[in-house]
Amino acid sequence: MRYGPEHKKRSRRRILRRAAALFRRHGYAGVGIDRVMAAANLTRGAFYAHFPSKAALFAEVLAEESDFVRRLRSASDAREVISVYLDPDNREKVARGCTLATLTNEVPRRDAAARRAYAAQIESLASEFERHLPLADPDRRARALEAVALCVGGIGIARAAGDEELAREVLGVCRERAIAAISDEGGA
């Protein structure tokens, strides 16, 4: 039975969503094509109608616009978005949904396509932070990258810390410094 283009498009989206969740939870090595396709309620054979390889799927997962970028794009105040993102009570929720924060350590071990896709997402995030800064600020780019590093890195460190008090402290400092980086007064 042949399916129409809309069916194929929906199936591809479902594969990408399920793969992203699995990669964030188990890492690249912890997820196989069979597992992704089972999660998407599709057969393994259907995978190759959408992606040439697991590496290509991973790169495409990384290329998907992050929820963090979407939230910043629609926000009038980036400080509010940062506060929610780096709230210690949201740490695991953010990790389940943020490909940037959870897959940072996976990307250097993957191919050039994955690294390019990740870099493009970092650029998108930096651009959104820059949008919240004064155009005349000569340190605009540096401040935006500082906020990116504090947000994405802060979540990663807090999740890996294994010590709840230290994790909360890291997130608190990162939140304070990231907000300062994108505030009118200038960086930390």
N, C-alpha and C. Protein backbone atom coordinates (compact mmCIF):
# COMPACT_ATOMS: atom_id res chain seq x y z
N MET A 1 0.84 -1.18 0.00
CA MET A 1 0.00 0.00 0.00
C MET A 1 0.89 1.25 0.00
N ARG A 2 0.59 2.17 -0.89
CA ARG A 2 1.35 3.42 -0.97
C ARG A 2 0.65 4.49 -0.14
N TYR A 3 1.47 5.24 0.57
CA TYR A 3 0.92 6.32 1.39
C TYR A 3 1.19 7.65 0.71
N GLY A 4 0.34 8.61 0.96
CA GLY A 4 0.49 9.94 0.39
C GLY A 4 1.57 10.75 1.09
N PRO A 5 1.92 11.89 0.53
CA PRO A 5 2.97 12.74 1.10
C PRO A 5 2.67 13.23 2.52
N GLU A 6 1.40 13.46 2.82
CA GLU A 6 1.04 13.92 4.17
C GLU A 6 1.32 12.84 5.21
N HIS A 7 1.02 11.60 4.88
CA HIS A 7 1.28 10.49 5.78
C HIS A 7 2.78 10.36 6.04
N LYS A 8 3.55 10.46 4.97
CA LYS A 8 5.01 10.36 5.11
C LYS A 8 5.54 11.50 5.97
N LYS A 9 5.02 12.68 5.78
CA LYS A 9 5.44 13.85 6.56
C LYS A 9 5.12 13.66 8.05
N ARG A 10 3.92 13.16 8.33
CA ARG A 10 3.52 12.91 9.73
C ARG A 10 4.40 11.82 10.35
N SER A 11 4.67 10.78 9.59
CA SER A 11 5.52 9.69 10.09
C SER A 11 6.92 10.20 10.40
N ARG A 12 7.47 11.01 9.51
CA ARG A 12 8.81 11.57 9.72
C ARG A 12 8.85 12.43 10.99
N ARG A 13 7.84 13.27 11.19
CA ARG A 13 7.77 14.11 12.39
C ARG A 13 7.72 13.22 13.65
N ARG A 14 6.92 12.16 13.58
CA ARG A 14 6.79 11.25 14.73
C ARG A 14 8.13 10.58 15.03
N ILE A 15 8.84 10.15 13.99
CA ILE A 15 10.16 9.55 14.18
C ILE A 15 11.10 10.55 14.83
N LEU A 16 11.11 11.77 14.31
CA LEU A 16 12.01 12.80 14.87
C LEU A 16 11.69 13.09 16.34
N ARG A 17 10.42 13.23 16.66
CA ARG A 17 10.02 13.51 18.06
C ARG A 17 10.43 12.39 18.99
N ARG A 18 10.14 11.16 18.58
CA ARG A 18 10.46 10.01 19.43
C ARG A 18 11.98 9.83 19.55
N ALA A 19 12.68 10.00 18.44
CA ALA A 19 14.14 9.86 18.47
C ALA A 19 14.76 10.93 19.36
N ALA A 20 14.27 12.16 19.28
CA ALA A 20 14.82 13.23 20.11
C ALA A 20 14.66 12.89 21.59
N ALA A 21 13.48 12.44 21.97
CA ALA A 21 13.24 12.07 23.37
C ALA A 21 14.17 10.93 23.80
N LEU A 22 14.31 9.94 22.94
CA LEU A 22 15.17 8.80 23.28
C LEU A 22 16.65 9.21 23.35
N PHE A 23 17.12 9.99 22.40
CA PHE A 23 18.51 10.45 22.43
C PHE A 23 18.78 11.28 23.68
N ARG A 24 17.84 12.17 24.03
CA ARG A 24 18.04 12.99 25.24
C ARG A 24 18.10 12.12 26.49
N ARG A 25 17.31 11.07 26.51
CA ARG A 25 17.25 10.23 27.71
C ARG A 25 18.39 9.21 27.79
N HIS A 26 18.75 8.60 26.65
CA HIS A 26 19.69 7.49 26.66
C HIS A 26 21.01 7.76 25.94
N GLY A 27 21.13 8.90 25.29
CA GLY A 27 22.34 9.19 24.52
C GLY A 27 22.32 8.48 23.18
N TYR A 28 23.25 8.85 22.34
CA TYR A 28 23.32 8.30 20.98
C TYR A 28 23.54 6.79 21.02
N ALA A 29 24.53 6.34 21.78
CA ALA A 29 24.87 4.92 21.81
C ALA A 29 23.77 4.07 22.44
N GLY A 30 22.95 4.66 23.28
CA GLY A 30 21.91 3.92 23.98
C GLY A 30 20.62 3.75 23.19
N VAL A 31 20.62 4.24 21.96
CA VAL A 31 19.40 4.20 21.15
C VAL A 31 19.70 3.59 19.79
N GLY A 32 18.95 2.57 19.43
CA GLY A 32 19.08 1.96 18.12
C GLY A 32 17.88 2.28 17.24
N ILE A 33 18.02 1.99 15.98
CA ILE A 33 16.94 2.24 15.01
C ILE A 33 15.68 1.47 15.41
N ASP A 34 15.84 0.23 15.83
CA ASP A 34 14.67 -0.57 16.23
C ASP A 34 13.90 0.11 17.35
N ARG A 35 14.62 0.64 18.31
CA ARG A 35 13.98 1.29 19.46
C ARG A 35 13.25 2.56 19.03
N VAL A 36 13.89 3.34 18.16
CA VAL A 36 13.26 4.57 17.67
C VAL A 36 11.97 4.23 16.92
N MET A 37 12.04 3.26 16.04
CA MET A 37 10.88 2.93 15.22
C MET A 37 9.77 2.30 16.06
N ALA A 38 10.13 1.52 17.05
CA ALA A 38 9.11 0.96 17.95
C ALA A 38 8.40 2.09 18.70
N ALA A 39 9.17 3.07 19.16
CA ALA A 39 8.58 4.21 19.87
C ALA A 39 7.66 5.03 18.95
N ALA A 40 7.98 5.03 17.65
CA ALA A 40 7.17 5.77 16.68
C ALA A 40 6.03 4.90 16.11
N ASN A 41 5.92 3.67 16.58
CA ASN A 41 4.91 2.72 16.08
C ASN A 41 5.03 2.46 14.58
N LEU A 42 6.27 2.31 14.14
CA LEU A 42 6.56 2.02 12.74
C LEU A 42 7.55 0.87 12.66
N THR A 43 7.65 0.27 11.50
CA THR A 43 8.59 -0.83 11.33
C THR A 43 9.99 -0.32 11.03
N ARG A 44 10.97 -1.15 11.31
CA ARG A 44 12.36 -0.79 11.04
C ARG A 44 12.56 -0.44 9.56
N GLY A 45 11.92 -1.20 8.69
CA GLY A 45 12.06 -0.96 7.26
C GLY A 45 11.60 0.43 6.85
N ALA A 46 10.64 0.97 7.56
CA ALA A 46 10.14 2.31 7.23
C ALA A 46 11.18 3.39 7.54
N PHE A 47 12.10 3.08 8.41
CA PHE A 47 13.12 4.07 8.78
C PHE A 47 13.86 4.58 7.55
N TYR A 48 14.25 3.67 6.68
CA TYR A 48 15.09 4.03 5.54
C TYR A 48 14.34 4.79 4.45
N ALA A 49 13.04 4.89 4.57
CA ALA A 49 12.28 5.75 3.66
C ALA A 49 12.40 7.21 4.09
N HIS A 50 12.91 7.41 5.31
CA HIS A 50 13.00 8.76 5.86
C HIS A 50 14.44 9.23 6.09
N PHE A 51 15.31 8.32 6.47
CA PHE A 51 16.69 8.67 6.84
C PHE A 51 17.66 7.62 6.30
N PRO A 52 18.82 8.04 5.83
CA PRO A 52 19.78 7.06 5.32
C PRO A 52 20.53 6.31 6.42
N SER A 53 20.55 6.88 7.64
CA SER A 53 21.30 6.26 8.73
C SER A 53 20.89 6.85 10.07
N LYS A 54 21.30 6.18 11.12
CA LYS A 54 21.07 6.70 12.47
C LYS A 54 21.81 8.02 12.64
N ALA A 55 23.01 8.13 12.08
CA ALA A 55 23.78 9.38 12.18
C ALA A 55 23.02 10.53 11.52
N ALA A 56 22.39 10.27 10.39
CA ALA A 56 21.61 11.31 9.72
C ALA A 56 20.39 11.71 10.56
N LEU A 57 19.76 10.73 11.19
CA LEU A 57 18.64 11.01 12.09
C LEU A 57 19.10 11.88 13.25
N PHE A 58 20.23 11.54 13.84
CA PHE A 58 20.76 12.30 14.96
C PHE A 58 21.04 13.75 14.55
N ALA A 59 21.65 13.94 13.40
CA ALA A 59 21.94 15.30 12.91
C ALA A 59 20.64 16.08 12.71
N GLU A 60 19.62 15.40 12.21
CA GLU A 60 18.35 16.09 12.00
C GLU A 60 17.66 16.43 13.32
N VAL A 61 17.78 15.55 14.31
CA VAL A 61 17.26 15.85 15.64
C VAL A 61 17.94 17.11 16.18
N LEU A 62 19.25 17.19 16.01
CA LEU A 62 19.98 18.37 16.46
C LEU A 62 19.58 19.63 15.70
N ALA A 63 19.20 19.47 14.44
CA ALA A 63 18.84 20.62 13.61
C ALA A 63 17.45 21.17 13.93
N GLU A 64 16.63 20.39 14.61
CA GLU A 64 15.29 20.87 14.96
C GLU A 64 15.40 22.07 15.89
N GLU A 65 14.58 23.07 15.63
CA GLU A 65 14.61 24.27 16.47
C GLU A 65 14.29 23.89 17.92
N SER A 66 15.09 24.41 18.83
CA SER A 66 14.88 24.06 20.23
C SER A 66 13.73 24.86 20.83
N ASP A 67 13.13 24.28 21.84
CA ASP A 67 12.05 24.94 22.56
C ASP A 67 12.57 26.22 23.22
N PHE A 68 13.82 26.20 23.65
CA PHE A 68 14.43 27.37 24.28
C PHE A 68 14.46 28.53 23.29
N VAL A 69 14.86 28.27 22.05
CA VAL A 69 14.90 29.31 21.01
C VAL A 69 13.48 29.81 20.75
N ARG A 70 12.52 28.91 20.64
CA ARG A 70 11.13 29.31 20.39
C ARG A 70 10.61 30.21 21.51
N ARG A 71 10.92 29.83 22.74
CA ARG A 71 10.45 30.64 23.87
C ARG A 71 11.08 32.03 23.86
N LEU A 72 12.36 32.10 23.56
CA LEU A 72 13.01 33.41 23.50
C LEU A 72 12.44 34.25 22.36
N ARG A 73 12.17 33.62 21.24
CA ARG A 73 11.64 34.34 20.10
C ARG A 73 10.30 35.00 20.43
N SER A 74 9.48 34.33 21.20
CA SER A 74 8.16 34.87 21.50
C SER A 74 8.14 35.72 22.78
N ALA A 75 9.24 35.77 23.50
CA ALA A 75 9.27 36.49 24.78
C ALA A 75 9.59 37.97 24.58
N SER A 76 8.98 38.77 25.40
CA SER A 76 9.34 40.19 25.39
C SER A 76 10.50 40.44 26.35
N ASP A 77 10.71 39.54 27.28
CA ASP A 77 11.79 39.69 28.25
C ASP A 77 12.54 38.35 28.40
N ALA A 78 13.75 38.32 27.90
CA ALA A 78 14.56 37.09 27.93
C ALA A 78 14.89 36.67 29.36
N ARG A 79 14.91 37.63 30.27
CA ARG A 79 15.24 37.29 31.67
C ARG A 79 14.24 36.31 32.26
N GLU A 80 12.99 36.47 31.89
CA GLU A 80 11.95 35.56 32.37
C GLU A 80 12.18 34.13 31.84
N VAL A 81 12.55 34.02 30.57
CA VAL A 81 12.81 32.72 29.96
C VAL A 81 14.01 32.06 30.64
N ILE A 82 15.05 32.83 30.89
CA ILE A 82 16.24 32.31 31.57
C ILE A 82 15.88 31.83 32.97
N SER A 83 15.09 32.60 33.68
CA SER A 83 14.69 32.23 35.05
C SER A 83 13.99 30.88 35.09
N VAL A 84 13.10 30.66 34.13
CA VAL A 84 12.38 29.39 34.08
C VAL A 84 13.34 28.26 33.67
N TYR A 85 14.14 28.51 32.65
CA TYR A 85 15.06 27.49 32.13
C TYR A 85 16.04 27.03 33.21
N LEU A 86 16.56 27.95 34.00
CA LEU A 86 17.56 27.61 35.02
C LEU A 86 16.99 27.46 36.43
N ASP A 87 15.70 27.35 36.55
CA ASP A 87 15.07 27.12 37.84
C ASP A 87 15.41 25.69 38.29
N PRO A 88 16.00 25.53 39.48
CA PRO A 88 16.37 24.19 39.93
C PRO A 88 15.21 23.20 39.93
N ASP A 89 14.00 23.68 40.17
CA ASP A 89 12.84 22.79 40.17
C ASP A 89 12.47 22.32 38.76
N ASN A 90 13.00 22.98 37.74
CA ASN A 90 12.72 22.60 36.35
C ASN A 90 13.86 21.83 35.70
N ARG A 91 14.92 21.57 36.43
CA ARG A 91 16.14 20.98 35.86
C ARG A 91 15.86 19.72 35.04
N GLU A 92 15.17 18.78 35.59
CA GLU A 92 14.93 17.53 34.86
C GLU A 92 13.92 17.72 33.74
N LYS A 93 12.95 18.59 33.93
CA LYS A 93 11.99 18.88 32.87
C LYS A 93 12.70 19.51 31.68
N VAL A 94 13.58 20.46 31.95
CA VAL A 94 14.36 21.10 30.88
C VAL A 94 15.21 20.05 30.19
N ALA A 95 15.84 19.19 30.94
CA ALA A 95 16.70 18.16 30.35
C ALA A 95 15.92 17.21 29.45
N ARG A 96 14.70 16.91 29.83
CA ARG A 96 13.89 16.02 28.98
C ARG A 96 13.51 16.70 27.67
N GLY A 97 13.49 18.04 27.67
CA GLY A 97 13.04 18.76 26.48
C GLY A 97 14.09 19.54 25.73
N CYS A 98 15.28 19.71 26.29
CA CYS A 98 16.29 20.55 25.65
C CYS A 98 17.43 19.73 25.07
N THR A 99 17.40 19.59 23.77
CA THR A 99 18.44 18.84 23.06
C THR A 99 19.80 19.50 23.24
N LEU A 100 19.83 20.83 23.26
CA LEU A 100 21.11 21.54 23.41
C LEU A 100 21.81 21.15 24.70
N ALA A 101 21.08 21.15 25.79
CA ALA A 101 21.69 20.87 27.09
C ALA A 101 22.01 19.40 27.30
N THR A 102 21.17 18.52 26.82
CA THR A 102 21.36 17.10 27.12
C THR A 102 22.30 16.39 26.17
N LEU A 103 22.48 16.91 24.97
CA LEU A 103 23.31 16.19 23.99
C LEU A 103 24.64 16.86 23.71
N THR A 104 24.99 17.89 24.46
CA THR A 104 26.26 18.59 24.25
C THR A 104 27.44 17.63 24.26
N ASN A 105 27.48 16.73 25.21
CA ASN A 105 28.62 15.81 25.31
C ASN A 105 28.62 14.74 24.22
N GLU A 106 27.50 14.52 23.55
CA GLU A 106 27.42 13.54 22.47
C GLU A 106 27.97 14.08 21.15
N VAL A 107 27.78 15.35 20.91
CA VAL A 107 28.06 15.94 19.60
C VAL A 107 29.53 15.82 19.17
N PRO A 108 30.51 16.05 20.03
CA PRO A 108 31.90 15.94 19.56
C PRO A 108 32.28 14.55 19.06
N ARG A 109 31.55 13.55 19.46
CA ARG A 109 31.84 12.17 19.03
C ARG A 109 31.10 11.77 17.76
N ARG A 110 30.33 12.68 17.20
CA ARG A 110 29.52 12.39 16.02
C ARG A 110 30.14 13.04 14.78
N ASP A 111 29.48 12.86 13.66
CA ASP A 111 30.02 13.34 12.39
C ASP A 111 29.88 14.86 12.22
N ALA A 112 30.43 15.34 11.12
CA ALA A 112 30.43 16.78 10.85
C ALA A 112 29.01 17.33 10.71
N ALA A 113 28.10 16.54 10.17
CA ALA A 113 26.72 17.00 10.01
C ALA A 113 26.09 17.27 11.37
N ALA A 114 26.33 16.42 12.34
CA ALA A 114 25.80 16.62 13.69
C ALA A 114 26.41 17.87 14.32
N ARG A 115 27.71 18.04 14.14
CA ARG A 115 28.37 19.22 14.73
C ARG A 115 27.87 20.51 14.08
N ARG A 116 27.65 20.48 12.77
CA ARG A 116 27.11 21.67 12.08
C ARG A 116 25.70 21.98 12.57
N ALA A 117 24.88 20.96 12.73
CA ALA A 117 23.51 21.17 13.19
C ALA A 117 23.50 21.74 14.60
N TYR A 118 24.37 21.21 15.45
CA TYR A 118 24.44 21.72 16.82
C TYR A 118 24.91 23.18 16.82
N ALA A 119 25.94 23.47 16.04
CA ALA A 119 26.46 24.84 15.97
C ALA A 119 25.38 25.80 15.47
N ALA A 120 24.58 25.36 14.52
CA ALA A 120 23.50 26.21 14.02
C ALA A 120 22.49 26.52 15.12
N GLN A 121 22.21 25.54 15.98
CA GLN A 121 21.28 25.77 17.08
C GLN A 121 21.87 26.74 18.12
N ILE A 122 23.16 26.61 18.38
CA ILE A 122 23.83 27.55 19.29
C ILE A 122 23.77 28.96 18.70
N GLU A 123 24.01 29.06 17.39
CA GLU A 123 23.91 30.36 16.71
C GLU A 123 22.49 30.93 16.82
N SER A 124 21.48 30.10 16.64
CA SER A 124 20.09 30.56 16.76
C SER A 124 19.81 31.07 18.16
N LEU A 125 20.29 30.34 19.15
CA LEU A 125 20.08 30.75 20.53
C LEU A 125 20.80 32.07 20.81
N ALA A 126 22.04 32.18 20.35
CA ALA A 126 22.79 33.43 20.53
C ALA A 126 22.09 34.60 19.84
N SER A 127 21.57 34.35 18.65
CA SER A 127 20.85 35.41 17.91
C SER A 127 19.62 35.88 18.68
N GLU A 128 18.92 34.94 19.28
CA GLU A 128 17.74 35.34 20.06
C GLU A 128 18.15 36.16 21.29
N PHE A 129 19.24 35.78 21.93
CA PHE A 129 19.71 36.59 23.06
C PHE A 129 20.14 37.97 22.56
N GLU A 130 20.84 38.02 21.44
CA GLU A 130 21.28 39.30 20.87
C GLU A 130 20.09 40.21 20.59
N ARG A 131 19.01 39.64 20.13
CA ARG A 131 17.81 40.42 19.83
C ARG A 131 17.30 41.17 21.06
N HIS A 132 17.59 40.66 22.23
CA HIS A 132 17.14 41.30 23.47
C HIS A 132 18.14 42.33 24.00
N LEU A 133 19.23 42.53 23.29
CA LEU A 133 20.26 43.47 23.72
C LEU A 133 20.24 44.72 22.83
N PRO A 134 20.71 45.85 23.36
CA PRO A 134 20.73 47.08 22.56
C PRO A 134 21.63 46.92 21.32
N LEU A 135 21.15 47.39 20.18
CA LEU A 135 21.89 47.29 18.92
C LEU A 135 23.25 47.97 18.99
N ALA A 136 23.35 49.04 19.73
CA ALA A 136 24.60 49.82 19.80
C ALA A 136 25.64 49.21 20.72
N ASP A 137 25.28 48.16 21.44
CA ASP A 137 26.21 47.55 22.40
C ASP A 137 27.34 46.84 21.66
N PRO A 138 28.60 47.27 21.84
CA PRO A 138 29.71 46.63 21.14
C PRO A 138 30.00 45.21 21.64
N ASP A 139 29.51 44.88 22.81
CA ASP A 139 29.72 43.54 23.39
C ASP A 139 28.51 42.63 23.22
N ARG A 140 27.62 43.00 22.36
CA ARG A 140 26.36 42.29 22.16
C ARG A 140 26.57 40.79 21.91
N ARG A 141 27.42 40.47 20.97
CA ARG A 141 27.67 39.06 20.62
C ARG A 141 28.28 38.31 21.80
N ALA A 142 29.26 38.91 22.44
CA ALA A 142 29.92 38.26 23.59
C ALA A 142 28.93 38.04 24.72
N ARG A 143 28.08 39.00 24.98
CA ARG A 143 27.09 38.86 26.05
C ARG A 143 26.08 37.77 25.72
N ALA A 144 25.69 37.69 24.45
CA ALA A 144 24.75 36.65 24.03
C ALA A 144 25.38 35.26 24.19
N LEU A 145 26.64 35.13 23.77
CA LEU A 145 27.32 33.83 23.92
C LEU A 145 27.55 33.48 25.39
N GLU A 146 27.79 34.48 26.20
CA GLU A 146 27.92 34.24 27.64
C GLU A 146 26.61 33.66 28.19
N ALA A 147 25.49 34.23 27.79
CA ALA A 147 24.19 33.73 28.25
C ALA A 147 23.95 32.30 27.76
N VAL A 148 24.32 32.02 26.51
CA VAL A 148 24.18 30.67 25.97
C VAL A 148 24.98 29.68 26.81
N ALA A 149 26.25 30.01 27.03
CA ALA A 149 27.12 29.10 27.78
C ALA A 149 26.62 28.88 29.21
N LEU A 150 26.16 29.93 29.84
CA LEU A 150 25.66 29.81 31.21
C LEU A 150 24.38 28.98 31.28
N CYS A 151 23.51 29.16 30.31
CA CYS A 151 22.25 28.41 30.32
C CYS A 151 22.47 26.94 29.98
N VAL A 152 23.04 26.69 28.82
CA VAL A 152 23.21 25.31 28.37
C VAL A 152 24.20 24.56 29.27
N GLY A 153 25.31 25.20 29.57
CA GLY A 153 26.31 24.57 30.44
C GLY A 153 25.82 24.39 31.86
N GLY A 154 25.06 25.36 32.34
CA GLY A 154 24.53 25.27 33.70
C GLY A 154 23.63 24.05 33.90
N ILE A 155 22.76 23.80 32.94
CA ILE A 155 21.89 22.62 33.03
C ILE A 155 22.73 21.35 33.02
N GLY A 156 23.68 21.29 32.11
CA GLY A 156 24.53 20.09 32.01
C GLY A 156 25.30 19.81 33.29
N ILE A 157 25.90 20.83 33.86
CA ILE A 157 26.67 20.67 35.10
C ILE A 157 25.75 20.29 36.26
N ALA A 158 24.62 20.96 36.36
CA ALA A 158 23.69 20.68 37.46
C ALA A 158 23.16 19.25 37.39
N ARG A 159 22.92 18.75 36.20
CA ARG A 159 22.44 17.38 36.06
C ARG A 159 23.51 16.37 36.41
N ALA A 160 24.76 16.70 36.10
CA ALA A 160 25.86 15.75 36.33
C ALA A 160 26.41 15.80 37.75
N ALA A 161 26.11 16.84 38.48
CA ALA A 161 26.74 17.08 39.78
C ALA A 161 26.52 15.94 40.78
N GLY A 162 25.35 15.33 40.79
CA GLY A 162 25.10 14.25 41.74
C GLY A 162 24.92 14.74 43.16
N ASP A 163 24.88 16.02 43.35
CA ASP A 163 24.73 16.63 44.68
C ASP A 163 23.68 17.73 44.52
N GLU A 164 22.54 17.53 45.13
CA GLU A 164 21.41 18.45 44.96
C GLU A 164 21.75 19.88 45.38
N GLU A 165 22.45 20.03 46.47
CA GLU A 165 22.80 21.38 46.94
C GLU A 165 23.74 22.07 45.95
N LEU A 166 24.73 21.35 45.46
CA LEU A 166 25.65 21.92 44.48
C LEU A 166 24.92 22.25 43.18
N ALA A 167 24.03 21.37 42.75
CA ALA A 167 23.26 21.61 41.52
C ALA A 167 22.44 22.88 41.64
N ARG A 168 21.78 23.06 42.76
CA ARG A 168 20.98 24.28 42.98
C ARG A 168 21.87 25.52 43.00
N GLU A 169 23.03 25.40 43.61
CA GLU A 169 23.96 26.53 43.66
C GLU A 169 24.45 26.89 42.25
N VAL A 170 24.81 25.88 41.48
CA VAL A 170 25.27 26.12 40.10
C VAL A 170 24.18 26.81 39.30
N LEU A 171 22.95 26.30 39.37
CA LEU A 171 21.87 26.90 38.61
C LEU A 171 21.57 28.32 39.06
N GLY A 172 21.65 28.56 40.36
CA GLY A 172 21.42 29.91 40.87
C GLY A 172 22.45 30.90 40.35
N VAL A 173 23.71 30.52 40.38
CA VAL A 173 24.78 31.39 39.89
C VAL A 173 24.63 31.59 38.38
N CYS A 174 24.38 30.53 37.65
CA CYS A 174 24.22 30.64 36.19
C CYS A 174 23.03 31.52 35.84
N ARG A 175 21.94 31.35 36.56
CA ARG A 175 20.75 32.18 36.30
C ARG A 175 21.06 33.65 36.54
N GLU A 176 21.69 33.94 37.66
CA GLU A 176 22.04 35.33 38.00
C GLU A 176 22.97 35.94 36.95
N ARG A 177 23.99 35.20 36.56
CA ARG A 177 24.98 35.72 35.60
C ARG A 177 24.41 35.82 34.19
N ALA A 178 23.58 34.85 33.79
CA ALA A 178 22.99 34.90 32.45
C ALA A 178 22.03 36.09 32.34
N ILE A 179 21.26 36.32 33.37
CA ILE A 179 20.36 37.48 33.38
C ILE A 179 21.17 38.77 33.33
N ALA A 180 22.25 38.83 34.09
CA ALA A 180 23.10 40.02 34.05
C ALA A 180 23.71 40.22 32.66
N ALA A 181 24.07 39.13 32.01
CA ALA A 181 24.69 39.23 30.68
C ALA A 181 23.75 39.85 29.65
N ILE A 182 22.46 39.60 29.77
CA ILE A 182 21.54 40.14 28.77
C ILE A 182 20.75 41.35 29.28
N SER A 183 21.11 41.83 30.46
CA SER A 183 20.44 43.02 31.00
C SER A 183 21.10 44.26 30.43
N ASP A 184 20.38 45.36 30.47
CA ASP A 184 20.87 46.63 29.92
C ASP A 184 22.18 47.08 30.54
N GLU A 185 22.44 46.71 31.77
CA GLU A 185 23.65 47.16 32.46
C GLU A 185 24.90 46.48 31.92
N GLY A 186 24.76 45.35 31.25
CA GLY A 186 25.92 44.65 30.71
C GLY A 186 26.28 43.45 31.54
N GLY A 187 27.18 42.66 31.02
CA GLY A 187 27.58 41.36 31.56
C GLY A 187 27.95 41.34 33.02
N ALA A 188 28.23 40.15 33.50
CA ALA A 188 28.53 39.89 34.91
C ALA A 188 29.89 40.41 35.30
